[in-house]
């Protein structure tokens, strides 16, 4: 027959074990609830931190998994420049087997949701942008500050993504696939000449991803090329007015780059 003190000690141990498991269950439940109902403002804060304040989400609603916000661009900390997309941007985030599936829909700019998949890894990540197209206001660039806030471009940017993948490994980003940005009937508040012209910016992936800017037609001639070295873009190009419109485009050429006679030299990176 067990001693009364031994039976009491056994009951106390069982009771402590029961409360311990109950505590663990409550903690796991709280974590699960936090993840399921995580507020959309977490996305707002993450976007601000990841872009050094240049991508700003406001009036966030919903959760991390399904929400919406007003989206804009700024020049970063200390900048007074800002531009916002009309309407709202909705997102739907679904976890998969080692992959996150993201669907983005912008009231102003997408007719069909843009689909993306993100795969994290121990030493890098992979972001795949599935085929899609969208239309964005050129005026949004003014939010990034100089020189965009001075040029005050107007018109629409037509973005085509037949398939684009970004792969991060160690300290570099590899680009696979292609992307095309068309700029038909682009104008600027700095010039009475409307439109300036139509342009195309193409990104082609590979061992050394290349960016090509070309003029489809127009009085303002733009051309240039860029390459990614590790994770840095280096772009060189030029802007030039045709002989009949040099006076009308002079102010714009002055702010687009370094003037060299009749042309303006553009360098980035």
C-alpha atoms as a PDB file:
ATOM      1  CA  UNK A   1       0.000   0.000   0.000  1.00  0.00           C
ATOM      2  CA  UNK A   2       1.414   3.399  -1.113  1.00  0.00           C
ATOM      3  CA  UNK A   3       2.284   5.888   1.539  1.00  0.00           C
ATOM      4  CA  UNK A   4      -0.145   8.884   1.706  1.00  0.00           C
ATOM      5  CA  UNK A   5       2.743  11.326   1.120  1.00  0.00           C
ATOM      6  CA  UNK A   6       3.830   9.403  -1.989  1.00  0.00           C
ATOM      7  CA  UNK A   7       0.272   9.455  -3.384  1.00  0.00           C
ATOM      8  CA  UNK A   8       0.046  13.205  -2.725  1.00  0.00           C
ATOM      9  CA  UNK A   9       3.398  13.821  -4.461  1.00  0.00           C
ATOM     10  CA  UNK A  10       2.251  11.782  -7.463  1.00  0.00           C
ATOM     11  CA  UNK A  11      -0.992  13.751  -7.723  1.00  0.00           C
ATOM     12  CA  UNK A  12       0.961  17.039  -7.531  1.00  0.00           C
ATOM     13  CA  UNK A  13       3.348  15.888 -10.270  1.00  0.00           C
ATOM     14  CA  UNK A  14       0.423  14.880 -12.488  1.00  0.00           C
ATOM     15  CA  UNK A  15      -1.258  18.201 -11.801  1.00  0.00           C
ATOM     16  CA  UNK A  16       1.917  20.131 -12.710  1.00  0.00           C
ATOM     17  CA  UNK A  17       2.231  18.065 -15.891  1.00  0.00           C
ATOM     18  CA  UNK A  18      -1.356  18.803 -16.846  1.00  0.00           C
ATOM     19  CA  UNK A  19      -0.914  22.550 -16.283  1.00  0.00           C
ATOM     20  CA  UNK A  20       2.387  22.518 -18.213  1.00  0.00           C
ATOM     21  CA  UNK A  21       0.755  20.954 -21.273  1.00  0.00           C
ATOM     22  CA  UNK A  22      -2.194  23.305 -20.934  1.00  0.00           C
ATOM     23  CA  UNK A  23       0.230  26.239 -20.894  1.00  0.00           C
ATOM     24  CA  UNK A  24       2.027  24.937 -23.973  1.00  0.00           C
ATOM     25  CA  UNK A  25      -1.307  24.466 -25.755  1.00  0.00           C
ATOM     26  CA  UNK A  26      -2.420  27.971 -24.847  1.00  0.00           C
ATOM     27  CA  UNK A  27       0.879  29.430 -26.071  1.00  0.00           C
ATOM     28  CA  UNK A  28       0.718  27.556 -29.377  1.00  0.00           C
ATOM     29  CA  UNK A  29      -2.900  28.621 -29.781  1.00  0.00           C
ATOM     30  CA  UNK A  30      -1.971  32.249 -29.177  1.00  0.00           C
ATOM     31  CA  UNK A  31       0.863  32.021 -31.720  1.00  0.00           C
ATOM     32  CA  UNK A  32      -1.445  30.415 -34.272  1.00  0.00           C
ATOM     33  CA  UNK A  33      -4.118  33.066 -33.687  1.00  0.00           C
ATOM     34  CA  UNK A  34      -1.518  35.823 -34.030  1.00  0.00           C
ATOM     35  CA  UNK A  35      -0.334  34.399 -37.342  1.00  0.00           C
ATOM     36  CA  UNK A  36      -3.837  33.841 -38.723  1.00  0.00           C
ATOM     37  CA  UNK A  37      -5.146  37.257 -37.700  1.00  0.00           C
ATOM     38  CA  UNK A  38      -1.885  39.231 -38.052  1.00  0.00           C
ATOM     39  CA  UNK A  39      -2.976  42.764 -39.022  1.00  0.00           C
ATOM     40  CA  UNK A  40      -2.260  44.254 -42.448  1.00  0.00           C
ATOM     41  CA  UNK A  41      -0.267  47.028 -40.782  1.00  0.00           C
ATOM     42  CA  UNK A  42       2.563  44.474 -40.431  1.00  0.00           C
ATOM     43  CA  UNK A  43       2.850  44.477 -44.234  1.00  0.00           C
ATOM     44  CA  UNK A  44       2.866  48.271 -44.159  1.00  0.00           C
ATOM     45  CA  UNK A  45       5.787  48.341 -41.717  1.00  0.00           C
ATOM     46  CA  UNK A  46       7.709  45.607 -43.548  1.00  0.00           C
ATOM     47  CA  UNK A  47       7.423  47.415 -46.910  1.00  0.00           C
ATOM     48  CA  UNK A  48       8.620  50.677 -45.370  1.00  0.00           C
ATOM     49  CA  UNK A  49      11.636  49.009 -43.728  1.00  0.00           C
ATOM     50  CA  UNK A  50      12.610  46.914 -46.771  1.00  0.00           C
ATOM     51  CA  UNK A  51      12.617  49.929 -49.139  1.00  0.00           C
ATOM     52  CA  UNK A  52      14.116  52.487 -46.752  1.00  0.00           C
ATOM     53  CA  UNK A  53      10.838  54.372 -46.710  1.00  0.00           C
ATOM     54  CA  UNK A  54      10.413  54.675 -50.495  1.00  0.00           C
ATOM     55  CA  UNK A  55       7.437  52.303 -50.756  1.00  0.00           C
ATOM     56  CA  UNK A  56       4.684  53.522 -48.444  1.00  0.00           C
ATOM     57  CA  UNK A  57       1.423  51.769 -47.596  1.00  0.00           C
ATOM     58  CA  UNK A  58      -1.319  53.744 -45.848  1.00  0.00           C
ATOM     59  CA  UNK A  59      -4.756  52.995 -44.404  1.00  0.00           C
ATOM     60  CA  UNK A  60      -4.057  49.254 -44.369  1.00  0.00           C
ATOM     61  CA  UNK A  61      -7.066  46.984 -43.870  1.00  0.00           C
ATOM     62  CA  UNK A  62      -7.488  43.262 -43.305  1.00  0.00           C
ATOM     63  CA  UNK A  63      -4.691  40.868 -42.404  1.00  0.00           C
ATOM     64  CA  UNK A  64      -1.227  39.896 -43.585  1.00  0.00           C
ATOM     65  CA  UNK A  65      -2.864  37.101 -45.596  1.00  0.00           C
ATOM     66  CA  UNK A  66      -5.704  39.044 -47.174  1.00  0.00           C
ATOM     67  CA  UNK A  67      -5.737  42.824 -47.077  1.00  0.00           C
ATOM     68  CA  UNK A  68      -5.508  46.101 -48.925  1.00  0.00           C
ATOM     69  CA  UNK A  69      -3.861  49.507 -48.656  1.00  0.00           C
ATOM     70  CA  UNK A  70      -3.221  52.757 -50.461  1.00  0.00           C
ATOM     71  CA  UNK A  71       0.234  52.589 -52.071  1.00  0.00           C
ATOM     72  CA  UNK A  72       2.648  55.386 -52.898  1.00  0.00           C
ATOM     73  CA  UNK A  73       6.292  56.248 -53.523  1.00  0.00           C
ATOM     74  CA  UNK A  74       8.475  58.753 -51.676  1.00  0.00           C
ATOM     75  CA  UNK A  75      12.033  60.005 -51.861  1.00  0.00           C
ATOM     76  CA  UNK A  76      12.858  58.253 -48.584  1.00  0.00           C
ATOM     77  CA  UNK A  77      13.629  59.614 -45.098  1.00  0.00           C
ATOM     78  CA  UNK A  78      13.709  63.413 -44.988  1.00  0.00           C
ATOM     79  CA  UNK A  79      12.104  63.827 -48.417  1.00  0.00           C
ATOM     80  CA  UNK A  80       8.946  65.875 -48.899  1.00  0.00           C
ATOM     81  CA  UNK A  81       8.214  64.261 -52.271  1.00  0.00           C
ATOM     82  CA  UNK A  82       5.375  61.757 -52.437  1.00  0.00           C
ATOM     83  CA  UNK A  83       2.971  60.371 -55.024  1.00  0.00           C
ATOM     84  CA  UNK A  84       0.140  57.914 -54.487  1.00  0.00           C
ATOM     85  CA  UNK A  85      -1.656  55.462 -56.735  1.00  0.00           C
ATOM     86  CA  UNK A  86      -5.368  56.152 -57.182  1.00  0.00           C
ATOM     87  CA  UNK A  87      -7.571  53.587 -55.478  1.00  0.00           C
ATOM     88  CA  UNK A  88      -6.259  50.700 -53.420  1.00  0.00           C
ATOM     89  CA  UNK A  89      -4.034  47.652 -53.865  1.00  0.00           C
ATOM     90  CA  UNK A  90      -5.353  44.298 -52.633  1.00  0.00           C
ATOM     91  CA  UNK A  91      -3.207  41.286 -51.820  1.00  0.00           C
ATOM     92  CA  UNK A  92      -3.837  37.632 -51.103  1.00  0.00           C
ATOM     93  CA  UNK A  93      -0.990  35.625 -49.568  1.00  0.00           C
ATOM     94  CA  UNK A  94      -1.196  31.830 -49.356  1.00  0.00           C
ATOM     95  CA  UNK A  95       1.478  29.571 -47.853  1.00  0.00           C
ATOM     96  CA  UNK A  96       2.410  26.431 -49.772  1.00  0.00           C
ATOM     97  CA  UNK A  97       4.965  23.649 -49.393  1.00  0.00           C
ATOM     98  CA  UNK A  98       8.090  25.755 -48.897  1.00  0.00           C
ATOM     99  CA  UNK A  99       6.655  28.524 -51.085  1.00  0.00           C
ATOM    100  CA  UNK A 100       4.473  31.596 -50.587  1.00  0.00           C
ATOM    101  CA  UNK A 101       1.932  32.456 -53.307  1.00  0.00           C
ATOM    102  CA  UNK A 102       1.072  36.147 -53.673  1.00  0.00           C
ATOM    103  CA  UNK A 103      -1.728  37.684 -55.735  1.00  0.00           C
ATOM    104  CA  UNK A 104      -1.779  41.482 -56.279  1.00  0.00           C
ATOM    105  CA  UNK A 105      -4.646  43.531 -57.681  1.00  0.00           C
ATOM    106  CA  UNK A 106      -4.470  47.332 -58.120  1.00  0.00           C
ATOM    107  CA  UNK A 107      -7.734  49.215 -58.674  1.00  0.00           C
ATOM    108  CA  UNK A 108      -6.032  51.634 -61.042  1.00  0.00           C
ATOM    109  CA  UNK A 109      -3.650  49.474 -62.922  1.00  0.00           C
ATOM    110  CA  UNK A 110      -4.389  45.747 -63.268  1.00  0.00           C
ATOM    111  CA  UNK A 111      -7.251  44.062 -65.089  1.00  0.00           C
ATOM    112  CA  UNK A 112      -6.213  40.662 -63.739  1.00  0.00           C
ATOM    113  CA  UNK A 113      -4.367  39.936 -60.490  1.00  0.00           C
ATOM    114  CA  UNK A 114      -0.584  39.671 -60.849  1.00  0.00           C
ATOM    115  CA  UNK A 115       0.637  36.321 -59.549  1.00  0.00           C
ATOM    116  CA  UNK A 116       3.983  35.854 -57.788  1.00  0.00           C
ATOM    117  CA  UNK A 117       5.631  33.004 -55.906  1.00  0.00           C
ATOM    118  CA  UNK A 118       8.328  33.463 -53.274  1.00  0.00           C
ATOM    119  CA  UNK A 119      10.579  30.622 -52.151  1.00  0.00           C
ATOM    120  CA  UNK A 120      12.893  31.345 -49.186  1.00  0.00           C
ATOM    121  CA  UNK A 121      16.084  29.413 -48.582  1.00  0.00           C
ATOM    122  CA  UNK A 122      18.945  29.188 -46.117  1.00  0.00           C
ATOM    123  CA  UNK A 123      21.346  31.145 -48.333  1.00  0.00           C
ATOM    124  CA  UNK A 124      18.993  33.072 -50.591  1.00  0.00           C
ATOM    125  CA  UNK A 125      15.524  33.296 -52.067  1.00  0.00           C
ATOM    126  CA  UNK A 126      13.664  32.984 -55.361  1.00  0.00           C
ATOM    127  CA  UNK A 127      10.905  35.339 -56.582  1.00  0.00           C
ATOM    128  CA  UNK A 128       8.958  34.339 -59.679  1.00  0.00           C
ATOM    129  CA  UNK A 129       6.671  36.856 -61.419  1.00  0.00           C
ATOM    130  CA  UNK A 130       4.217  34.952 -63.598  1.00  0.00           C
ATOM    131  CA  UNK A 131       3.091  36.219 -66.994  1.00  0.00           C
ATOM    132  CA  UNK A 132       0.900  39.316 -66.793  1.00  0.00           C
ATOM    133  CA  UNK A 133       0.433  42.914 -67.863  1.00  0.00           C
ATOM    134  CA  UNK A 134      -0.567  46.145 -66.171  1.00  0.00           C
ATOM    135  CA  UNK A 135      -0.781  49.909 -66.767  1.00  0.00           C
ATOM    136  CA  UNK A 136       0.753  52.428 -64.337  1.00  0.00           C
ATOM    137  CA  UNK A 137       0.676  56.246 -64.202  1.00  0.00           C
ATOM    138  CA  UNK A 138       3.991  57.883 -65.135  1.00  0.00           C
ATOM    139  CA  UNK A 139       3.271  60.655 -62.606  1.00  0.00           C
ATOM    140  CA  UNK A 140       3.923  58.138 -59.813  1.00  0.00           C
ATOM    141  CA  UNK A 141       7.684  58.493 -60.432  1.00  0.00           C
ATOM    142  CA  UNK A 142       7.581  62.081 -59.135  1.00  0.00           C
ATOM    143  CA  UNK A 143       7.234  60.666 -55.629  1.00  0.00           C
ATOM    144  CA  UNK A 144      10.820  59.347 -55.795  1.00  0.00           C
ATOM    145  CA  UNK A 145      12.260  62.866 -55.793  1.00  0.00           C
ATOM    146  CA  UNK A 146      15.052  64.205 -58.033  1.00  0.00           C
ATOM    147  CA  UNK A 147      15.081  64.132 -61.045  1.00  0.00           C
ATOM    148  CA  UNK A 148      11.586  62.682 -61.427  1.00  0.00           C
ATOM    149  CA  UNK A 149       9.889  65.411 -59.396  1.00  0.00           C
ATOM    150  CA  UNK A 150      11.414  68.016 -61.728  1.00  0.00           C
ATOM    151  CA  UNK A 151      10.727  66.235 -65.011  1.00  0.00           C
ATOM    152  CA  UNK A 152       7.063  65.685 -64.037  1.00  0.00           C
ATOM    153  CA  UNK A 153       6.419  62.996 -66.629  1.00  0.00           C
ATOM    154  CA  UNK A 154       2.828  62.328 -67.650  1.00  0.00           C
ATOM    155  CA  UNK A 155       1.263  59.436 -69.493  1.00  0.00           C
ATOM    156  CA  UNK A 156       1.011  55.706 -68.947  1.00  0.00           C
ATOM    157  CA  UNK A 157       3.549  52.906 -68.496  1.00  0.00           C
ATOM    158  CA  UNK A 158       2.481  49.562 -69.963  1.00  0.00           C
ATOM    159  CA  UNK A 159       4.271  46.744 -68.153  1.00  0.00           C
ATOM    160  CA  UNK A 160       4.509  43.306 -69.796  1.00  0.00           C
ATOM    161  CA  UNK A 161       5.962  40.385 -67.878  1.00  0.00           C
ATOM    162  CA  UNK A 162       6.044  37.250 -70.078  1.00  0.00           C
ATOM    163  CA  UNK A 163       7.873  35.577 -67.200  1.00  0.00           C
ATOM    164  CA  UNK A 164      10.506  36.924 -64.835  1.00  0.00           C
ATOM    165  CA  UNK A 165      12.424  35.291 -61.998  1.00  0.00           C
ATOM    166  CA  UNK A 166      14.819  36.887 -59.504  1.00  0.00           C
ATOM    167  CA  UNK A 167      17.171  34.543 -57.665  1.00  0.00           C
ATOM    168  CA  UNK A 168      19.213  35.737 -54.687  1.00  0.00           C
ATOM    169  CA  UNK A 169      22.390  33.826 -53.913  1.00  0.00           C
ATOM    170  CA  UNK A 170      25.031  35.049 -51.459  1.00  0.00           C
ATOM    171  CA  UNK A 171      25.608  38.715 -52.422  1.00  0.00           C
ATOM    172  CA  UNK A 172      24.152  38.836 -55.916  1.00  0.00           C
ATOM    173  CA  UNK A 173      20.793  38.626 -57.667  1.00  0.00           C
ATOM    174  CA  UNK A 174      20.412  36.617 -60.864  1.00  0.00           C
ATOM    175  CA  UNK A 175      17.709  37.584 -63.351  1.00  0.00           C
ATOM    176  CA  UNK A 176      15.968  35.001 -65.514  1.00  0.00           C
ATOM    177  CA  UNK A 177      13.346  35.720 -68.177  1.00  0.00           C
ATOM    178  CA  UNK A 178      12.299  39.120 -69.514  1.00  0.00           C
ATOM    179  CA  UNK A 179      10.215  42.219 -68.898  1.00  0.00           C
ATOM    180  CA  UNK A 180       9.135  45.061 -71.218  1.00  0.00           C
ATOM    181  CA  UNK A 181       7.983  48.556 -70.227  1.00  0.00           C
ATOM    182  CA  UNK A 182       6.296  50.550 -72.990  1.00  0.00           C
ATOM    183  CA  UNK A 183       5.861  54.323 -72.662  1.00  0.00           C
ATOM    184  CA  UNK A 184       3.505  55.497 -75.407  1.00  0.00           C
ATOM    185  CA  UNK A 185       2.741  59.213 -75.786  1.00  0.00           C
ATOM    186  CA  UNK A 186       5.000  60.300 -72.891  1.00  0.00           C
ATOM    187  CA  UNK A 187       4.805  63.998 -71.935  1.00  0.00           C
ATOM    188  CA  UNK A 188       6.392  66.361 -69.409  1.00  0.00           C
ATOM    189  CA  UNK A 189       5.210  69.527 -67.705  1.00  0.00           C
ATOM    190  CA  UNK A 190       8.590  71.074 -68.561  1.00  0.00           C
ATOM    191  CA  UNK A 191       7.814  71.103 -72.254  1.00  0.00           C
ATOM    192  CA  UNK A 192       4.928  72.463 -74.327  1.00  0.00           C
ATOM    193  CA  UNK A 193       5.679  69.759 -76.882  1.00  0.00           C
ATOM    194  CA  UNK A 194       3.107  66.998 -76.404  1.00  0.00           C
ATOM    195  CA  UNK A 195       3.780  64.180 -76.610  1.00  0.00           C
ATOM    196  CA  UNK A 196       7.558  63.930 -76.369  1.00  0.00           C
ATOM    197  CA  UNK A 197       7.498  60.533 -77.998  1.00  0.00           C
ATOM    198  CA  UNK A 198       7.011  56.814 -77.421  1.00  0.00           C
ATOM    199  CA  UNK A 199       9.677  54.627 -75.836  1.00  0.00           C
ATOM    200  CA  UNK A 200      10.457  51.058 -74.828  1.00  0.00           C
ATOM    201  CA  UNK A 201      12.549  49.753 -71.932  1.00  0.00           C
ATOM    202  CA  UNK A 202      13.448  46.054 -72.128  1.00  0.00           C
ATOM    203  CA  UNK A 203      15.009  43.822 -69.490  1.00  0.00           C
ATOM    204  CA  UNK A 204      16.571  40.567 -70.654  1.00  0.00           C
ATOM    205  CA  UNK A 205      17.876  38.094 -68.094  1.00  0.00           C
ATOM    206  CA  UNK A 206      20.978  35.959 -68.325  1.00  0.00           C
ATOM    207  CA  UNK A 207      24.474  35.694 -66.876  1.00  0.00           C
ATOM    208  CA  UNK A 208      24.695  39.482 -67.244  1.00  0.00           C
ATOM    209  CA  UNK A 209      21.131  40.874 -67.321  1.00  0.00           C
ATOM    210  CA  UNK A 210      20.818  43.741 -69.775  1.00  0.00           C
ATOM    211  CA  UNK A 211      18.546  46.784 -69.863  1.00  0.00           C
ATOM    212  CA  UNK A 212      17.867  48.525 -73.200  1.00  0.00           C
ATOM    213  CA  UNK A 213      16.120  51.878 -73.673  1.00  0.00           C
ATOM    214  CA  UNK A 214      15.025  52.837 -77.184  1.00  0.00           C
ATOM    215  CA  UNK A 215      12.838  55.383 -78.956  1.00  0.00           C
ATOM    216  CA  UNK A 216       9.907  54.074 -80.963  1.00  0.00           C
ATOM    217  CA  UNK A 217       9.108  57.526 -82.337  1.00  0.00           C
ATOM    218  CA  UNK A 218       9.210  61.124 -81.140  1.00  0.00           C
ATOM    219  CA  UNK A 219      10.988  64.481 -81.121  1.00  0.00           C
ATOM    220  CA  UNK A 220      12.873  63.607 -77.936  1.00  0.00           C
ATOM    221  CA  UNK A 221      15.261  60.787 -78.771  1.00  0.00           C
ATOM    222  CA  UNK A 222      16.212  58.468 -75.899  1.00  0.00           C
ATOM    223  CA  UNK A 223      18.606  55.540 -75.965  1.00  0.00           C
ATOM    224  CA  UNK A 224      20.755  53.692 -73.475  1.00  0.00           C
ATOM    225  CA  UNK A 225      21.947  50.376 -72.093  1.00  0.00           C
ATOM    226  CA  UNK A 226      22.455  49.027 -68.610  1.00  0.00           C
ATOM    227  CA  UNK A 227      23.945  45.930 -67.014  1.00  0.00           C
ATOM    228  CA  UNK A 228      23.735  44.324 -63.596  1.00  0.00           C
ATOM    229  CA  UNK A 229      27.043  43.672 -61.900  1.00  0.00           C
ATOM    230  CA  UNK A 230      26.418  41.588 -58.761  1.00  0.00           C
ATOM    231  CA  UNK A 231      23.397  43.446 -57.323  1.00  0.00           C
ATOM    232  CA  UNK A 232      24.150  46.889 -58.817  1.00  0.00           C
ATOM    233  CA  UNK A 233      22.744  48.448 -61.980  1.00  0.00           C
ATOM    234  CA  UNK A 234      24.992  50.597 -64.147  1.00  0.00           C
ATOM    235  CA  UNK A 235      23.152  52.479 -66.893  1.00  0.00           C
ATOM    236  CA  UNK A 236      24.482  54.902 -69.499  1.00  0.00           C
ATOM    237  CA  UNK A 237      22.409  56.660 -72.118  1.00  0.00           C
ATOM    238  CA  UNK A 238      21.576  59.913 -73.772  1.00  0.00           C
ATOM    239  CA  UNK A 239      18.656  62.202 -74.583  1.00  0.00           C
ATOM    240  CA  UNK A 240      18.659  64.336 -77.698  1.00  0.00           C
ATOM    241  CA  UNK A 241      16.131  66.629 -79.388  1.00  0.00           C
ATOM    242  CA  UNK A 242      15.549  66.596 -83.113  1.00  0.00           C
ATOM    243  CA  UNK A 243      16.633  69.722 -84.983  1.00  0.00           C
ATOM    244  CA  UNK A 244      13.115  71.194 -85.220  1.00  0.00           C
ATOM    245  CA  UNK A 245      12.371  71.088 -81.473  1.00  0.00           C
ATOM    246  CA  UNK A 246      15.627  71.881 -79.657  1.00  0.00           C
ATOM    247  CA  UNK A 247      14.291  75.092 -78.076  1.00  0.00           C
ATOM    248  CA  UNK A 248      11.128  73.413 -76.797  1.00  0.00           C
ATOM    249  CA  UNK A 249      13.089  70.581 -75.182  1.00  0.00           C
ATOM    250  CA  UNK A 250      16.086  72.505 -73.835  1.00  0.00           C
ATOM    251  CA  UNK A 251      14.822  72.800 -70.212  1.00  0.00           C
ATOM    252  CA  UNK A 252      13.979  69.107 -70.075  1.00  0.00           C
ATOM    253  CA  UNK A 253      17.385  68.100 -71.444  1.00  0.00           C
ATOM    254  CA  UNK A 254      19.079  70.247 -68.788  1.00  0.00           C
ATOM    255  CA  UNK A 255      17.583  68.248 -65.920  1.00  0.00           C
ATOM    256  CA  UNK A 256      17.670  64.766 -67.464  1.00  0.00           C
ATOM    257  CA  UNK A 257      21.454  64.520 -67.283  1.00  0.00           C
ATOM    258  CA  UNK A 258      24.750  66.267 -67.986  1.00  0.00           C
ATOM    259  CA  UNK A 259      24.523  68.555 -70.993  1.00  0.00           C
ATOM    260  CA  UNK A 260      27.047  67.926 -73.736  1.00  0.00           C
ATOM    261  CA  UNK A 261      26.151  70.194 -76.632  1.00  0.00           C
ATOM    262  CA  UNK A 262      22.841  69.140 -78.163  1.00  0.00           C
ATOM    263  CA  UNK A 263      22.541  66.014 -76.022  1.00  0.00           C
ATOM    264  CA  UNK A 264      22.104  65.165 -72.359  1.00  0.00           C
ATOM    265  CA  UNK A 265      24.233  62.320 -70.968  1.00  0.00           C
ATOM    266  CA  UNK A 266      22.401  60.044 -68.509  1.00  0.00           C
ATOM    267  CA  UNK A 267      24.302  57.883 -66.025  1.00  0.00           C
ATOM    268  CA  UNK A 268      22.975  55.732 -63.185  1.00  0.00           C
ATOM    269  CA  UNK A 269      24.948  53.580 -60.763  1.00  0.00           C
END
